[in-house]
Amino acid sequence: MIPTPLARGLALVGGAGALSLALAASAADNWPAKPITFVVPSSPGGGTDIYARLLAEGVGKGLKQTVVVENKPGASGNIGAAAVARAAADGYTFLVSATPAIAVNPYLYKNLPYDAEKDLVPVARGVDAPLVYVVPPGSRFKTLDDLLAAGKNEPGKLAFGSAGHGSPTFLGVKVMEEKTGAAFTHVPYKGMAPTMQDFLGGRLDFLQSDVASVLPHIKSGKAVPLAISSKSPLFPKLPVWTEKGLPDVPQSFSVMAPAGTPDAIVQKMNQTVVQAMQEPSVKQRLIEQGYIPVSDTPARFSQQLQAERAMWKALIERNHITVE
């Protein structure tokens, strides 16, 4: 039987598809053949940066390749995220980001230089990062209830800083204001590192920070914790505000890749990230920084990310929060 032109065409298409899959698998087998870059869309010294450097060490060992951390702060993570979205989808550039750049900013900014859903693909949710309220030593506030009461009785008088309008360190306070009727003055910064500088300099009344960013200052006595969003072995006696019915804003640090990155490489990086975080010395250091390692597949991470995006969208629209 002589194949028809259509049958011959289908055979060619099938052959091309099989060849494409074979080439992709081969590329993953040979990957990585050169150093990998983790782009962090925030300043050095913040929680995302701390996590990325721990992760780079573990992933570098797992892949037997150098992993370079490159900070590209600004615009609540948009600058770094856009750089990765425009990068070659060859498995050598990844975004290590807090929640805003991948789940919040699409609903906060009118004109983003990237599309978080179309230009980036989920690789791994690395860690959850509990948040903690802190005040300077000598503050008149001894509990979170004291602080919230002052925010109700003296609206706008107390100032807090954050890593930017799209950061959980800002949105978490906004949700708390919505829930309790308190009102504070927001001072935005480009990342947690400059925020912390002004806090330590006495120019801010309190912070809601990820644990890692403020932990050294808690240990040195320069920051006093009032309450935390979830239980932590680092602070076994610290009140957990979510247990009292007060709202939580989830914060995590995750790994994303440029859209079009071969799935075989995405899967291999996911497995390497999970293995790196379970390596005893790395896992212990993550826990010591206040992080909670997460072992998600790319598919599971993608599902959770979609749910979070819906939550953030509703939160931003409900509070009429916008950023130019």
Protein backbone atom coordinates (compact mmCIF):
# COMPACT_ATOMS: atom_id res chain seq x y z
CA MET A 1 0.00 0.00 0.00
CA ILE A 2 1.39 3.37 -1.08
CA PRO A 3 1.20 6.06 1.66
CA THR A 4 -0.97 9.04 0.78
CA PRO A 5 0.54 12.55 0.91
CA LEU A 6 -1.41 13.16 4.14
CA ALA A 7 -0.08 9.98 5.71
CA ARG A 8 3.45 10.86 4.65
CA GLY A 9 2.97 14.35 6.16
CA LEU A 10 1.72 12.94 9.43
CA ALA A 11 4.65 10.56 9.55
CA LEU A 12 7.04 13.47 9.03
CA VAL A 13 5.35 15.52 11.76
CA GLY A 14 5.47 12.54 14.10
CA GLY A 15 9.11 12.01 13.30
CA ALA A 16 9.90 15.68 13.92
CA GLY A 17 8.08 15.54 17.25
CA ALA A 18 9.98 12.48 18.31
CA LEU A 19 13.25 14.09 17.23
CA SER A 20 12.38 17.24 19.20
CA LEU A 21 11.70 15.19 22.33
CA ALA A 22 14.92 13.27 21.85
CA LEU A 23 16.91 16.49 21.48
CA ALA A 24 15.27 17.95 24.60
CA ALA A 25 16.11 14.84 26.61
CA SER A 26 19.68 14.94 25.30
CA ALA A 27 19.97 18.62 26.28
CA ALA A 28 18.85 17.76 29.83
CA ASP A 29 21.36 14.90 30.00
CA ASN A 30 24.18 17.29 29.12
CA TRP A 31 22.86 20.08 31.35
CA PRO A 32 24.41 21.98 33.02
CA ALA A 33 27.57 22.44 30.98
CA LYS A 34 28.35 25.93 32.33
CA PRO A 35 27.57 28.09 35.38
CA ILE A 36 23.93 28.79 36.27
CA THR A 37 22.64 32.19 37.39
CA PHE A 38 20.04 32.69 40.11
CA VAL A 39 18.54 36.17 39.70
CA VAL A 40 17.25 37.63 42.97
CA PRO A 41 14.90 40.59 42.36
CA SER A 42 15.74 42.29 45.67
CA SER A 43 18.69 43.76 47.56
CA PRO A 44 21.53 41.74 49.10
CA GLY A 45 20.93 40.86 52.73
CA GLY A 46 17.15 40.41 52.57
CA GLY A 47 15.29 37.15 53.13
CA THR A 48 15.14 36.19 49.46
CA ASP A 49 18.85 36.83 49.03
CA ILE A 50 19.71 34.78 52.13
CA TYR A 51 17.64 31.87 50.85
CA ALA A 52 19.02 32.11 47.29
CA ARG A 53 22.61 31.90 48.53
CA LEU A 54 21.89 28.87 50.69
CA LEU A 55 20.05 27.27 47.77
CA ALA A 56 22.84 28.11 45.31
CA GLU A 57 25.30 26.29 47.52
CA GLY A 58 23.15 23.17 47.72
CA VAL A 59 22.18 23.16 44.03
CA GLY A 60 25.78 23.76 43.01
CA LYS A 61 26.87 20.67 44.91
CA GLY A 62 24.00 18.61 43.51
CA LEU A 63 24.68 19.57 39.90
CA LYS A 64 28.47 19.79 40.29
CA GLN A 65 28.38 23.22 38.70
CA THR A 66 28.85 26.82 39.83
CA VAL A 67 25.66 28.70 40.70
CA VAL A 68 26.00 32.50 40.73
CA VAL A 69 23.56 34.73 42.64
CA GLU A 70 22.87 38.04 40.88
CA ASN A 71 20.82 40.75 42.63
CA LYS A 72 18.55 42.92 40.47
CA PRO A 73 16.45 44.91 42.96
CA GLY A 74 13.75 47.46 42.28
CA ALA A 75 10.03 47.92 41.61
CA SER A 76 8.98 45.23 44.11
CA GLY A 77 10.78 42.55 42.13
CA ASN A 78 9.65 43.60 38.66
CA ILE A 79 13.13 44.48 37.36
CA GLY A 80 14.67 41.11 38.22
CA ALA A 81 11.62 39.15 37.10
CA ALA A 82 11.57 40.95 33.75
CA ALA A 83 15.25 40.17 33.24
CA VAL A 84 14.59 36.45 33.70
CA ALA A 85 11.47 36.58 31.52
CA ARG A 86 13.66 37.97 28.70
CA ALA A 87 16.53 35.53 29.29
CA ALA A 88 17.30 32.59 27.04
CA ALA A 89 15.18 29.56 27.93
CA ASP A 90 18.20 27.28 28.04
CA GLY A 91 18.31 26.30 31.71
CA TYR A 92 21.07 28.69 32.73
CA THR A 93 18.99 31.52 34.20
CA PHE A 94 16.43 31.13 36.98
CA LEU A 95 14.46 33.53 39.15
CA VAL A 96 14.62 33.02 42.92
CA SER A 97 11.86 35.28 44.15
CA ALA A 98 9.56 36.14 47.00
CA THR A 99 5.83 36.05 46.32
CA PRO A 100 5.25 39.56 44.85
CA ALA A 101 6.99 39.24 41.48
CA ILE A 102 5.21 36.02 40.57
CA ALA A 103 1.80 36.30 42.24
CA VAL A 104 1.05 39.84 43.44
CA ASN A 105 2.41 42.42 41.01
CA PRO A 106 0.22 41.38 38.03
CA TYR A 107 -2.75 42.80 39.96
CA LEU A 108 -0.89 45.74 41.48
CA TYR A 109 0.87 47.33 38.49
CA LYS A 110 -0.88 48.55 35.35
CA ASN A 111 2.04 48.07 32.95
CA LEU A 112 4.37 45.25 33.90
CA PRO A 113 7.38 44.63 31.62
CA TYR A 114 6.59 40.89 31.75
CA ASP A 115 3.64 38.52 32.06
CA ALA A 116 4.12 36.40 35.17
CA GLU A 117 1.90 33.60 33.88
CA LYS A 118 3.06 33.49 30.25
CA ASP A 119 6.74 34.46 30.53
CA LEU A 120 7.74 32.39 33.57
CA VAL A 121 7.21 28.74 34.44
CA PRO A 122 7.11 27.29 37.97
CA VAL A 123 10.09 25.14 38.94
CA ALA A 124 9.95 24.72 42.72
CA ARG A 125 8.41 26.33 45.75
CA GLY A 126 11.50 26.44 47.89
CA VAL A 127 10.47 27.49 51.38
CA ASP A 128 7.66 29.10 53.30
CA ALA A 129 8.85 32.09 55.31
CA PRO A 130 6.91 33.05 58.46
CA LEU A 131 6.51 36.75 59.23
CA VAL A 132 7.20 38.43 62.57
CA TYR A 133 6.26 41.80 64.05
CA VAL A 134 9.22 43.59 65.67
CA VAL A 135 9.70 46.89 67.51
CA PRO A 136 12.87 48.68 68.61
CA PRO A 137 14.24 47.99 72.11
CA GLY A 138 12.65 50.34 74.61
CA SER A 139 9.42 50.57 72.62
CA ARG A 140 6.29 51.22 74.65
CA PHE A 141 4.65 48.30 72.85
CA LYS A 142 5.12 44.98 74.63
CA THR A 143 2.56 42.93 72.68
CA LEU A 144 0.98 42.98 69.22
CA ASP A 145 -2.32 43.89 70.89
CA ASP A 146 -0.63 47.00 72.32
CA LEU A 147 0.60 48.01 68.85
CA LEU A 148 -2.77 47.44 67.18
CA ALA A 149 -4.58 49.38 69.92
CA ALA A 150 -2.26 52.34 69.34
CA GLY A 151 -2.95 52.10 65.62
CA LYS A 152 -6.66 52.46 66.35
CA ASN A 153 -6.34 55.22 68.94
CA GLU A 154 -3.62 57.19 67.12
CA PRO A 155 -4.34 56.55 63.41
CA GLY A 156 -1.44 57.36 61.10
CA LYS A 157 0.94 58.32 63.89
CA LEU A 158 3.07 55.16 63.84
CA ALA A 159 5.31 54.42 60.83
CA PHE A 160 6.36 51.06 59.46
CA GLY A 161 8.63 50.16 56.56
CA SER A 162 8.39 47.42 53.96
CA ALA A 163 10.17 45.99 50.94
CA GLY A 164 7.71 47.80 48.66
CA HIS A 165 4.01 48.22 47.95
CA GLY A 166 3.71 44.73 46.54
CA SER A 167 5.57 42.96 49.32
CA PRO A 168 3.96 40.72 51.94
CA THR A 169 5.68 42.93 54.51
CA PHE A 170 3.38 45.74 53.33
CA LEU A 171 0.25 43.81 52.38
CA GLY A 172 0.32 41.89 55.64
CA VAL A 173 0.02 45.12 57.60
CA LYS A 174 -2.75 46.35 55.27
CA VAL A 175 -4.74 43.19 55.90
CA MET A 176 -4.18 43.62 59.64
CA GLU A 177 -5.45 47.21 59.39
CA GLU A 178 -8.53 45.99 57.52
CA LYS A 179 -9.23 43.35 60.16
CA THR A 180 -8.65 45.47 63.28
CA GLY A 181 -9.39 49.06 62.29
CA ALA A 182 -5.83 50.19 63.03
CA ALA A 183 -4.14 52.68 60.70
CA PHE A 184 -0.39 53.15 60.21
CA THR A 185 1.85 55.21 57.91
CA HIS A 186 3.67 53.15 55.29
CA VAL A 187 7.24 53.91 54.20
CA PRO A 188 8.24 51.76 51.17
CA TYR A 189 11.84 50.76 50.35
CA LYS A 190 13.59 48.77 47.60
CA GLY A 191 13.99 45.56 49.58
CA MET A 192 14.26 44.61 53.24
CA ALA A 193 17.92 45.55 53.64
CA PRO A 194 17.38 49.34 53.36
CA THR A 195 14.16 48.96 55.35
CA MET A 196 16.13 47.35 58.15
CA GLN A 197 18.71 50.14 58.09
CA ASP A 198 16.08 52.77 58.82
CA PHE A 199 14.43 50.57 61.44
CA LEU A 200 17.74 50.11 63.26
CA GLY A 201 18.36 53.84 62.89
CA GLY A 202 15.21 54.58 64.87
CA ARG A 203 13.23 56.06 61.97
CA LEU A 204 10.47 53.42 62.02
CA ASP A 205 8.16 52.37 64.85
CA PHE A 206 7.77 48.72 63.81
CA LEU A 207 8.16 46.19 61.02
CA GLN A 208 6.38 43.10 59.83
CA SER A 209 9.37 41.19 58.45
CA ASP A 210 10.27 37.73 57.28
CA VAL A 211 12.18 36.02 60.08
CA ALA A 212 15.46 35.66 58.17
CA SER A 213 15.83 39.39 57.50
CA VAL A 214 15.41 40.42 61.12
CA LEU A 215 16.78 37.36 62.96
CA PRO A 216 20.34 38.70 63.51
CA HIS A 217 18.91 41.87 65.04
CA ILE A 218 16.58 39.91 67.30
CA LYS A 219 19.56 37.90 68.50
CA SER A 220 21.58 41.07 69.12
CA GLY A 221 18.71 42.75 70.97
CA LYS A 222 18.29 45.52 68.39
CA ALA A 223 14.80 44.27 67.46
CA VAL A 224 12.18 42.91 69.85
CA PRO A 225 9.66 40.38 68.48
CA LEU A 226 6.01 40.76 69.47
CA ALA A 227 4.31 37.92 67.55
CA ILE A 228 4.85 35.52 64.65
CA SER A 229 2.56 34.21 61.88
CA SER A 230 3.20 30.51 62.50
CA LYS A 231 4.95 28.35 65.07
CA SER A 232 8.72 28.32 64.86
CA PRO A 233 11.29 26.32 66.83
CA LEU A 234 13.32 29.53 66.94
CA PHE A 235 10.66 31.25 69.03
CA PRO A 236 8.73 28.56 70.92
CA LYS A 237 7.20 31.04 73.39
CA LEU A 238 6.37 33.82 70.94
CA PRO A 239 2.60 34.38 70.44
CA VAL A 240 1.22 33.21 67.08
CA TRP A 241 -1.18 35.87 65.84
CA THR A 242 -2.99 33.61 63.37
CA GLU A 243 -4.06 31.40 66.28
CA LYS A 244 -5.98 34.40 67.62
CA GLY A 245 -7.94 34.82 64.41
CA LEU A 246 -5.79 37.60 63.00
CA PRO A 247 -5.01 37.33 59.25
CA ASP A 248 -1.91 35.85 57.68
CA VAL A 249 -0.36 36.78 54.36
CA PRO A 250 1.61 33.78 53.05
CA GLN A 251 5.22 34.45 52.14
CA SER A 252 7.42 32.01 50.25
CA PHE A 253 10.62 32.01 48.22
CA SER A 254 10.38 30.10 44.96
CA VAL A 255 12.26 29.20 41.79
CA MET A 256 10.95 30.10 38.32
CA ALA A 257 12.39 29.71 34.82
CA PRO A 258 11.89 31.55 31.52
CA ALA A 259 8.95 30.19 29.55
CA GLY A 260 10.13 27.65 27.00
CA THR A 261 12.78 26.11 29.24
CA PRO A 262 12.80 22.38 28.37
CA ASP A 263 10.57 20.43 30.72
CA ALA A 264 13.31 17.89 31.30
CA ILE A 265 15.52 20.67 32.69
CA VAL A 266 12.66 22.08 34.78
CA GLN A 267 12.08 18.65 36.29
CA LYS A 268 15.78 18.08 36.92
CA MET A 269 16.17 21.48 38.61
CA ASN A 270 13.09 20.81 40.73
CA GLN A 271 14.52 17.50 41.92
CA THR A 272 17.87 19.14 42.62
CA VAL A 273 16.26 21.95 44.64
CA VAL A 274 14.24 19.48 46.72
CA GLN A 275 17.28 17.30 47.32
CA ALA A 276 19.41 20.32 48.22
CA MET A 277 16.93 21.46 50.85
CA GLN A 278 16.82 17.99 52.37
CA GLU A 279 20.59 17.72 52.62
CA PRO A 280 21.16 17.73 56.42
CA SER A 281 23.54 20.69 56.67
CA VAL A 282 21.51 22.88 54.27
CA LYS A 283 18.19 21.91 55.86
CA GLN A 284 19.50 22.75 59.31
CA ARG A 285 20.73 26.15 58.15
CA LEU A 286 17.36 26.85 56.52
CA ILE A 287 15.56 26.02 59.76
CA GLU A 288 18.00 28.17 61.70
CA GLN A 289 17.02 31.09 59.47
CA GLY A 290 13.34 30.51 60.17
CA TYR A 291 12.46 28.89 56.83
CA ILE A 292 10.15 25.89 56.33
CA PRO A 293 11.38 23.72 53.38
CA VAL A 294 8.70 22.67 50.87
CA SER A 295 8.99 19.64 48.57
CA ASP A 296 6.58 20.39 45.71
CA THR A 297 6.65 19.10 42.15
CA PRO A 298 6.39 21.74 39.40
CA ALA A 299 2.76 20.69 38.81
CA ARG A 300 1.82 21.00 42.47
CA PHE A 301 3.62 24.33 42.76
CA SER A 302 1.76 25.59 39.69
CA GLN A 303 -1.61 24.67 41.23
CA GLN A 304 -0.81 26.43 44.48
CA LEU A 305 0.49 29.46 42.63
CA GLN A 306 -2.79 29.82 40.75
CA ALA A 307 -4.71 29.67 44.03
CA GLU A 308 -2.45 32.28 45.58
CA ARG A 309 -2.84 34.57 42.59
CA ALA A 310 -6.62 34.46 42.99
CA MET A 311 -6.26 35.29 46.69
CA TRP A 312 -3.90 38.21 46.05
CA LYS A 313 -6.15 39.59 43.30
CA ALA A 314 -9.15 39.62 45.63
CA LEU A 315 -7.12 41.18 48.45
CA ILE A 316 -5.75 43.98 46.26
CA GLU A 317 -9.11 44.76 44.68
CA ARG A 318 -10.87 44.71 48.07
CA ASN A 319 -8.40 47.19 49.52
CA HIS A 320 -8.15 49.32 46.36
CA ILE A 321 -4.36 49.08 46.39
CA THR A 322 -2.60 50.43 43.31
CA VAL A 323 0.96 51.26 42.32
CA GLU A 324 1.93 53.51 39.42
